[in-house]
Amino acid sequence: QVLTLLVLMYPLLQGLAVQLHSAVTGSYMPGTHSIALIACLNERVARDIARAIMDKKLAAYVNILPKSSALYFWKGELEESTEILLLVKTRTSKIGELSNYVRSIHPFEIPEIISLPIDQGNPLYLQWIAENVPRD
């Protein structure tokens, strides 16, 4: 039971360790923040999703990138389409909540929601992300 409890508490304990390290050293811990990539059908959908993410304070910044061509397999068939890509800057601890929320409002059956941890960056910008996305 103790092992199960530790496994379940690992994300919380890891988050506390990162916050403590950052507070004590004043340095950025790689992976504290992430960029999520979200593909959208068109600009209207992209803007609606971006606005909803910002209204929920699940991100500090969302880029809406112009149309790109996409090739993918869907239900065994090769498909080709155009999409709008969102780049969402947020805390890594918010990725689960962000993903759940976007899935609940996204028109795609299986929306693309992929996150990449931020390893390094402008310390002032990373601090700004932290200030604009509430902690859990």
N, C-alpha and C. Protein backbone atom coordinates (compact mmCIF):
# COMPACT_ATOMS: atom_id res chain seq x y z
N GLN A 1 0.82 -1.19 0.00
CA GLN A 1 0.00 0.00 0.00
C GLN A 1 0.86 1.26 0.00
N VAL A 2 1.97 1.21 0.73
CA VAL A 2 2.87 2.36 0.77
C VAL A 2 3.45 2.61 -0.62
N LEU A 3 3.85 1.55 -1.30
CA LEU A 3 4.40 1.68 -2.64
C LEU A 3 3.36 2.26 -3.60
N THR A 4 2.13 1.79 -3.51
CA THR A 4 1.06 2.32 -4.36
C THR A 4 0.84 3.80 -4.09
N LEU A 5 0.85 4.18 -2.82
CA LEU A 5 0.67 5.58 -2.46
C LEU A 5 1.80 6.44 -3.01
N LEU A 6 3.05 5.94 -2.91
CA LEU A 6 4.19 6.68 -3.45
C LEU A 6 4.09 6.84 -4.96
N VAL A 7 3.68 5.79 -5.64
CA VAL A 7 3.54 5.86 -7.10
C VAL A 7 2.47 6.89 -7.47
N LEU A 8 1.35 6.88 -6.76
CA LEU A 8 0.28 7.82 -7.04
C LEU A 8 0.67 9.26 -6.71
N MET A 9 1.53 9.44 -5.73
CA MET A 9 1.94 10.78 -5.32
C MET A 9 3.16 11.29 -6.07
N TYR A 10 3.79 10.45 -6.90
CA TYR A 10 5.02 10.84 -7.58
C TYR A 10 4.91 12.16 -8.33
N PRO A 11 3.86 12.37 -9.17
CA PRO A 11 3.78 13.66 -9.88
C PRO A 11 3.75 14.86 -8.94
N LEU A 12 3.01 14.74 -7.84
CA LEU A 12 2.94 15.83 -6.87
C LEU A 12 4.29 16.05 -6.21
N LEU A 13 4.94 14.98 -5.79
CA LEU A 13 6.25 15.09 -5.15
C LEU A 13 7.30 15.66 -6.10
N GLN A 14 7.25 15.22 -7.36
CA GLN A 14 8.19 15.74 -8.35
C GLN A 14 7.97 17.24 -8.55
N GLY A 15 6.70 17.65 -8.65
CA GLY A 15 6.40 19.07 -8.81
C GLY A 15 6.90 19.90 -7.64
N LEU A 16 6.72 19.40 -6.44
CA LEU A 16 7.21 20.11 -5.25
C LEU A 16 8.73 20.19 -5.25
N ALA A 17 9.40 19.13 -5.65
CA ALA A 17 10.86 19.13 -5.71
C ALA A 17 11.37 20.15 -6.72
N VAL A 18 10.73 20.23 -7.86
CA VAL A 18 11.12 21.21 -8.90
C VAL A 18 10.92 22.63 -8.37
N GLN A 19 9.79 22.89 -7.73
CA GLN A 19 9.52 24.23 -7.19
C GLN A 19 10.53 24.59 -6.12
N LEU A 20 10.85 23.64 -5.25
CA LEU A 20 11.81 23.89 -4.18
C LEU A 20 13.19 24.18 -4.77
N HIS A 21 13.62 23.36 -5.73
CA HIS A 21 14.92 23.57 -6.37
C HIS A 21 14.99 24.95 -7.02
N SER A 22 13.97 25.32 -7.75
CA SER A 22 13.94 26.61 -8.44
C SER A 22 13.97 27.76 -7.43
N ALA A 23 13.22 27.62 -6.34
CA ALA A 23 13.17 28.67 -5.33
C ALA A 23 14.51 28.84 -4.64
N VAL A 24 15.18 27.73 -4.32
CA VAL A 24 16.44 27.78 -3.60
C VAL A 24 17.58 28.27 -4.50
N THR A 25 17.64 27.76 -5.71
CA THR A 25 18.76 28.09 -6.60
C THR A 25 18.49 29.29 -7.50
N GLY A 26 17.23 29.63 -7.70
CA GLY A 26 16.89 30.72 -8.60
C GLY A 26 17.08 30.36 -10.06
N SER A 27 17.21 29.08 -10.35
CA SER A 27 17.44 28.65 -11.72
C SER A 27 16.22 27.91 -12.27
N TYR A 28 16.21 27.78 -13.59
CA TYR A 28 15.11 27.08 -14.26
C TYR A 28 15.40 25.59 -14.29
N MET A 29 14.40 24.81 -13.93
CA MET A 29 14.51 23.36 -14.02
C MET A 29 13.97 22.92 -15.37
N PRO A 30 14.81 22.30 -16.21
CA PRO A 30 14.31 21.82 -17.51
C PRO A 30 13.05 20.98 -17.35
N GLY A 31 12.09 21.23 -18.24
CA GLY A 31 10.85 20.46 -18.21
C GLY A 31 9.75 21.06 -17.35
N THR A 32 10.03 22.17 -16.68
CA THR A 32 9.01 22.80 -15.85
C THR A 32 7.86 23.32 -16.70
N HIS A 33 8.19 23.77 -17.90
CA HIS A 33 7.20 24.27 -18.84
C HIS A 33 7.22 23.43 -20.10
N SER A 34 6.14 23.49 -20.85
CA SER A 34 6.01 22.70 -22.08
C SER A 34 5.35 23.52 -23.17
N ILE A 35 5.54 23.05 -24.40
CA ILE A 35 4.81 23.56 -25.55
C ILE A 35 3.91 22.43 -26.02
N ALA A 36 2.62 22.71 -26.10
CA ALA A 36 1.68 21.74 -26.63
C ALA A 36 1.35 22.13 -28.07
N LEU A 37 1.28 21.14 -28.95
CA LEU A 37 0.90 21.35 -30.34
C LEU A 37 -0.50 20.77 -30.52
N ILE A 38 -1.38 21.57 -31.07
CA ILE A 38 -2.76 21.16 -31.28
C ILE A 38 -3.15 21.50 -32.71
N ALA A 39 -3.52 20.48 -33.47
CA ALA A 39 -3.95 20.69 -34.86
C ALA A 39 -5.45 20.98 -34.90
N CYS A 40 -5.82 21.95 -35.74
CA CYS A 40 -7.22 22.36 -35.85
C CYS A 40 -7.65 22.36 -37.31
N LEU A 41 -8.93 22.18 -37.52
CA LEU A 41 -9.51 22.07 -38.85
C LEU A 41 -9.38 23.35 -39.67
N ASN A 42 -9.63 24.49 -39.03
CA ASN A 42 -9.59 25.76 -39.75
C ASN A 42 -9.30 26.88 -38.75
N GLU A 43 -9.18 28.10 -39.27
CA GLU A 43 -8.80 29.23 -38.41
C GLU A 43 -9.87 29.54 -37.36
N ARG A 44 -11.14 29.42 -37.70
CA ARG A 44 -12.21 29.70 -36.73
C ARG A 44 -12.12 28.75 -35.54
N VAL A 45 -11.96 27.46 -35.83
CA VAL A 45 -11.84 26.46 -34.77
C VAL A 45 -10.58 26.73 -33.95
N ALA A 46 -9.48 27.05 -34.62
CA ALA A 46 -8.22 27.33 -33.92
C ALA A 46 -8.38 28.52 -32.97
N ARG A 47 -9.00 29.59 -33.46
CA ARG A 47 -9.20 30.78 -32.61
C ARG A 47 -10.13 30.49 -31.44
N ASP A 48 -11.18 29.74 -31.68
CA ASP A 48 -12.11 29.38 -30.60
C ASP A 48 -11.42 28.55 -29.53
N ILE A 49 -10.62 27.57 -29.95
CA ILE A 49 -9.91 26.72 -28.99
C ILE A 49 -8.85 27.53 -28.25
N ALA A 50 -8.11 28.36 -28.97
CA ALA A 50 -7.08 29.20 -28.34
C ALA A 50 -7.71 30.12 -27.29
N ARG A 51 -8.81 30.75 -27.64
CA ARG A 51 -9.50 31.65 -26.71
C ARG A 51 -9.99 30.87 -25.48
N ALA A 52 -10.55 29.70 -25.69
CA ALA A 52 -11.04 28.89 -24.57
C ALA A 52 -9.90 28.48 -23.64
N ILE A 53 -8.76 28.12 -24.21
CA ILE A 53 -7.58 27.77 -23.41
C ILE A 53 -7.14 28.96 -22.56
N MET A 54 -7.10 30.13 -23.19
CA MET A 54 -6.67 31.33 -22.46
C MET A 54 -7.69 31.72 -21.39
N ASP A 55 -8.98 31.61 -21.71
CA ASP A 55 -10.02 31.95 -20.72
C ASP A 55 -9.92 31.07 -19.48
N LYS A 56 -9.51 29.82 -19.66
CA LYS A 56 -9.36 28.88 -18.53
C LYS A 56 -8.00 29.02 -17.84
N LYS A 57 -7.16 29.93 -18.35
CA LYS A 57 -5.80 30.15 -17.82
C LYS A 57 -4.97 28.87 -17.84
N LEU A 58 -5.14 28.10 -18.92
CA LEU A 58 -4.36 26.88 -19.10
C LEU A 58 -3.07 27.14 -19.87
N ALA A 59 -2.84 28.38 -20.27
CA ALA A 59 -1.64 28.74 -21.01
C ALA A 59 -1.33 30.21 -20.79
N ALA A 60 -0.07 30.56 -21.02
CA ALA A 60 0.34 31.95 -20.96
C ALA A 60 0.32 32.58 -22.35
N TYR A 61 0.42 31.73 -23.39
CA TYR A 61 0.61 32.24 -24.75
C TYR A 61 0.20 31.16 -25.73
N VAL A 62 -0.52 31.54 -26.77
CA VAL A 62 -0.88 30.61 -27.82
C VAL A 62 -0.59 31.25 -29.17
N ASN A 63 0.25 30.60 -29.96
CA ASN A 63 0.47 31.02 -31.35
C ASN A 63 -0.53 30.27 -32.22
N ILE A 64 -1.08 30.97 -33.21
CA ILE A 64 -1.94 30.34 -34.21
C ILE A 64 -1.17 30.42 -35.53
N LEU A 65 -0.64 29.29 -35.96
CA LEU A 65 0.18 29.26 -37.17
C LEU A 65 -0.71 29.07 -38.39
N PRO A 66 -0.32 29.67 -39.50
CA PRO A 66 -1.16 29.60 -40.70
C PRO A 66 -1.26 28.18 -41.26
N LYS A 67 -2.10 28.06 -42.28
CA LYS A 67 -2.38 26.77 -42.90
C LYS A 67 -1.11 25.99 -43.23
N SER A 68 -1.19 24.70 -42.96
CA SER A 68 -0.14 23.78 -43.37
C SER A 68 -0.80 22.55 -43.98
N SER A 69 -0.09 21.92 -44.87
CA SER A 69 -0.61 20.68 -45.47
C SER A 69 -0.32 19.52 -44.55
N ALA A 70 -1.23 18.58 -44.50
CA ALA A 70 -1.07 17.41 -43.63
C ALA A 70 -1.41 16.15 -44.42
N LEU A 71 -0.61 15.13 -44.22
CA LEU A 71 -0.87 13.79 -44.75
C LEU A 71 -0.92 12.86 -43.56
N TYR A 72 -1.91 11.97 -43.52
CA TYR A 72 -2.05 11.07 -42.38
C TYR A 72 -2.95 9.90 -42.76
N PHE A 73 -2.80 8.84 -42.00
CA PHE A 73 -3.69 7.69 -42.19
C PHE A 73 -4.87 7.84 -41.25
N TRP A 74 -6.09 7.66 -41.79
CA TRP A 74 -7.30 7.69 -40.97
C TRP A 74 -8.18 6.55 -41.43
N LYS A 75 -8.45 5.64 -40.50
CA LYS A 75 -9.29 4.47 -40.76
C LYS A 75 -8.79 3.69 -41.99
N GLY A 76 -7.45 3.54 -42.04
CA GLY A 76 -6.82 2.73 -43.08
C GLY A 76 -6.61 3.42 -44.41
N GLU A 77 -7.03 4.66 -44.53
CA GLU A 77 -6.89 5.38 -45.80
C GLU A 77 -5.94 6.56 -45.63
N LEU A 78 -5.16 6.84 -46.67
CA LEU A 78 -4.29 8.00 -46.67
C LEU A 78 -5.14 9.24 -46.94
N GLU A 79 -5.07 10.19 -46.05
CA GLU A 79 -5.84 11.44 -46.17
C GLU A 79 -4.88 12.60 -46.37
N GLU A 80 -5.39 13.66 -46.99
CA GLU A 80 -4.63 14.89 -47.16
C GLU A 80 -5.56 16.05 -46.84
N SER A 81 -5.07 16.99 -46.04
CA SER A 81 -5.90 18.13 -45.66
C SER A 81 -5.02 19.33 -45.34
N THR A 82 -5.65 20.43 -45.03
CA THR A 82 -4.94 21.59 -44.49
C THR A 82 -5.39 21.76 -43.04
N GLU A 83 -4.48 22.23 -42.24
CA GLU A 83 -4.77 22.41 -40.82
C GLU A 83 -4.14 23.70 -40.33
N ILE A 84 -4.61 24.16 -39.20
CA ILE A 84 -4.04 25.29 -38.48
C ILE A 84 -3.43 24.70 -37.21
N LEU A 85 -2.20 25.11 -36.88
CA LEU A 85 -1.52 24.55 -35.72
C LEU A 85 -1.45 25.57 -34.59
N LEU A 86 -1.82 25.14 -33.40
CA LEU A 86 -1.66 25.95 -32.21
C LEU A 86 -0.38 25.54 -31.49
N LEU A 87 0.41 26.52 -31.06
CA LEU A 87 1.56 26.28 -30.19
C LEU A 87 1.20 26.90 -28.84
N VAL A 88 1.03 26.06 -27.84
CA VAL A 88 0.53 26.50 -26.55
C VAL A 88 1.66 26.42 -25.53
N LYS A 89 2.00 27.57 -24.92
CA LYS A 89 3.06 27.62 -23.90
C LYS A 89 2.41 27.59 -22.52
N THR A 90 2.81 26.59 -21.72
CA THR A 90 2.16 26.40 -20.42
C THR A 90 3.10 25.69 -19.45
N ARG A 91 2.62 25.49 -18.26
CA ARG A 91 3.34 24.67 -17.28
C ARG A 91 3.16 23.20 -17.66
N THR A 92 4.19 22.42 -17.47
CA THR A 92 4.09 20.99 -17.74
C THR A 92 3.02 20.35 -16.87
N SER A 93 2.87 20.84 -15.66
CA SER A 93 1.86 20.29 -14.75
C SER A 93 0.43 20.52 -15.24
N LYS A 94 0.24 21.40 -16.22
CA LYS A 94 -1.10 21.69 -16.75
C LYS A 94 -1.42 20.88 -18.01
N ILE A 95 -0.47 20.10 -18.53
CA ILE A 95 -0.68 19.39 -19.79
C ILE A 95 -1.86 18.43 -19.72
N GLY A 96 -2.00 17.68 -18.65
CA GLY A 96 -3.12 16.75 -18.52
C GLY A 96 -4.46 17.46 -18.55
N GLU A 97 -4.57 18.53 -17.77
CA GLU A 97 -5.81 19.32 -17.74
C GLU A 97 -6.07 19.96 -19.10
N LEU A 98 -5.03 20.50 -19.72
CA LEU A 98 -5.16 21.10 -21.05
C LEU A 98 -5.65 20.07 -22.06
N SER A 99 -5.05 18.90 -22.06
CA SER A 99 -5.42 17.84 -23.00
C SER A 99 -6.88 17.41 -22.79
N ASN A 100 -7.27 17.21 -21.56
CA ASN A 100 -8.66 16.82 -21.27
C ASN A 100 -9.64 17.89 -21.73
N TYR A 101 -9.31 19.14 -21.47
CA TYR A 101 -10.21 20.23 -21.85
C TYR A 101 -10.32 20.35 -23.37
N VAL A 102 -9.18 20.32 -24.06
CA VAL A 102 -9.22 20.44 -25.52
C VAL A 102 -10.00 19.29 -26.13
N ARG A 103 -9.80 18.07 -25.63
CA ARG A 103 -10.56 16.92 -26.15
C ARG A 103 -12.06 17.12 -25.97
N SER A 104 -12.46 17.81 -24.92
CA SER A 104 -13.89 18.02 -24.66
C SER A 104 -14.52 19.05 -25.59
N ILE A 105 -13.71 19.93 -26.19
CA ILE A 105 -14.27 20.99 -27.05
C ILE A 105 -13.85 20.86 -28.51
N HIS A 106 -12.91 19.99 -28.81
CA HIS A 106 -12.36 19.88 -30.17
C HIS A 106 -13.31 19.08 -31.06
N PRO A 107 -13.52 19.52 -32.31
CA PRO A 107 -14.44 18.80 -33.19
C PRO A 107 -13.88 17.49 -33.75
N PHE A 108 -12.56 17.28 -33.72
CA PHE A 108 -12.00 16.03 -34.23
C PHE A 108 -12.32 14.88 -33.29
N GLU A 109 -12.53 13.71 -33.86
CA GLU A 109 -12.79 12.50 -33.06
C GLU A 109 -11.58 12.19 -32.17
N ILE A 110 -10.39 12.30 -32.75
CA ILE A 110 -9.15 12.09 -32.01
C ILE A 110 -8.23 13.28 -32.30
N PRO A 111 -8.35 14.37 -31.54
CA PRO A 111 -7.53 15.54 -31.83
C PRO A 111 -6.05 15.31 -31.53
N GLU A 112 -5.22 15.93 -32.35
CA GLU A 112 -3.77 15.89 -32.11
C GLU A 112 -3.45 16.87 -30.99
N ILE A 113 -2.99 16.33 -29.87
CA ILE A 113 -2.54 17.14 -28.74
C ILE A 113 -1.23 16.49 -28.28
N ILE A 114 -0.12 17.13 -28.58
CA ILE A 114 1.20 16.58 -28.28
C ILE A 114 1.96 17.64 -27.50
N SER A 115 2.68 17.24 -26.47
CA SER A 115 3.46 18.23 -25.73
C SER A 115 4.94 17.86 -25.74
N LEU A 116 5.74 18.91 -25.71
CA LEU A 116 7.19 18.77 -25.65
C LEU A 116 7.69 19.62 -24.48
N PRO A 117 8.52 19.06 -23.62
CA PRO A 117 9.03 19.86 -22.51
C PRO A 117 10.01 20.92 -23.02
N ILE A 118 10.02 22.06 -22.36
CA ILE A 118 10.98 23.11 -22.68
C ILE A 118 12.23 22.86 -21.85
N ASP A 119 13.32 22.60 -22.54
CA ASP A 119 14.58 22.30 -21.87
C ASP A 119 15.29 23.57 -21.42
N GLN A 120 15.34 24.56 -22.30
CA GLN A 120 16.02 25.82 -22.01
C GLN A 120 15.28 26.95 -22.69
N GLY A 121 15.59 28.16 -22.29
CA GLY A 121 14.99 29.32 -22.93
C GLY A 121 15.38 30.59 -22.20
N ASN A 122 14.84 31.69 -22.67
CA ASN A 122 15.07 32.98 -22.03
C ASN A 122 14.49 32.91 -20.61
N PRO A 123 15.33 33.03 -19.58
CA PRO A 123 14.83 32.90 -18.20
C PRO A 123 13.69 33.86 -17.88
N LEU A 124 13.75 35.07 -18.41
CA LEU A 124 12.68 36.03 -18.13
C LEU A 124 11.37 35.60 -18.78
N TYR A 125 11.44 35.02 -19.99
CA TYR A 125 10.23 34.53 -20.66
C TYR A 125 9.66 33.34 -19.90
N LEU A 126 10.50 32.43 -19.48
CA LEU A 126 10.04 31.26 -18.73
C LEU A 126 9.41 31.67 -17.40
N GLN A 127 9.99 32.68 -16.77
CA GLN A 127 9.42 33.21 -15.53
C GLN A 127 8.06 33.84 -15.82
N TRP A 128 7.94 34.52 -16.95
CA TRP A 128 6.67 35.13 -17.35
C TRP A 128 5.59 34.07 -17.54
N ILE A 129 5.94 32.93 -18.16
CA ILE A 129 4.98 31.83 -18.31
C ILE A 129 4.50 31.41 -16.92
N ALA A 130 5.46 31.21 -16.01
CA ALA A 130 5.11 30.77 -14.65
C ALA A 130 4.17 31.76 -13.96
N GLU A 131 4.39 33.04 -14.18
CA GLU A 131 3.56 34.07 -13.54
C GLU A 131 2.16 34.12 -14.13
N ASN A 132 1.99 33.64 -15.35
CA ASN A 132 0.70 33.77 -16.03
C ASN A 132 -0.12 32.50 -16.13
N VAL A 133 0.42 31.39 -15.64
CA VAL A 133 -0.34 30.14 -15.58
C VAL A 133 -0.36 29.71 -14.12
N PRO A 134 -1.51 29.76 -13.49
CA PRO A 134 -1.58 29.42 -12.06
C PRO A 134 -1.08 28.00 -11.79
N ARG A 135 -0.47 27.83 -10.63
CA ARG A 135 -0.05 26.49 -10.21
C ARG A 135 -1.29 25.66 -9.93
N ASP A 136 -1.08 24.35 -9.89
CA ASP A 136 -2.18 23.42 -9.60
C ASP A 136 -2.77 23.66 -8.23
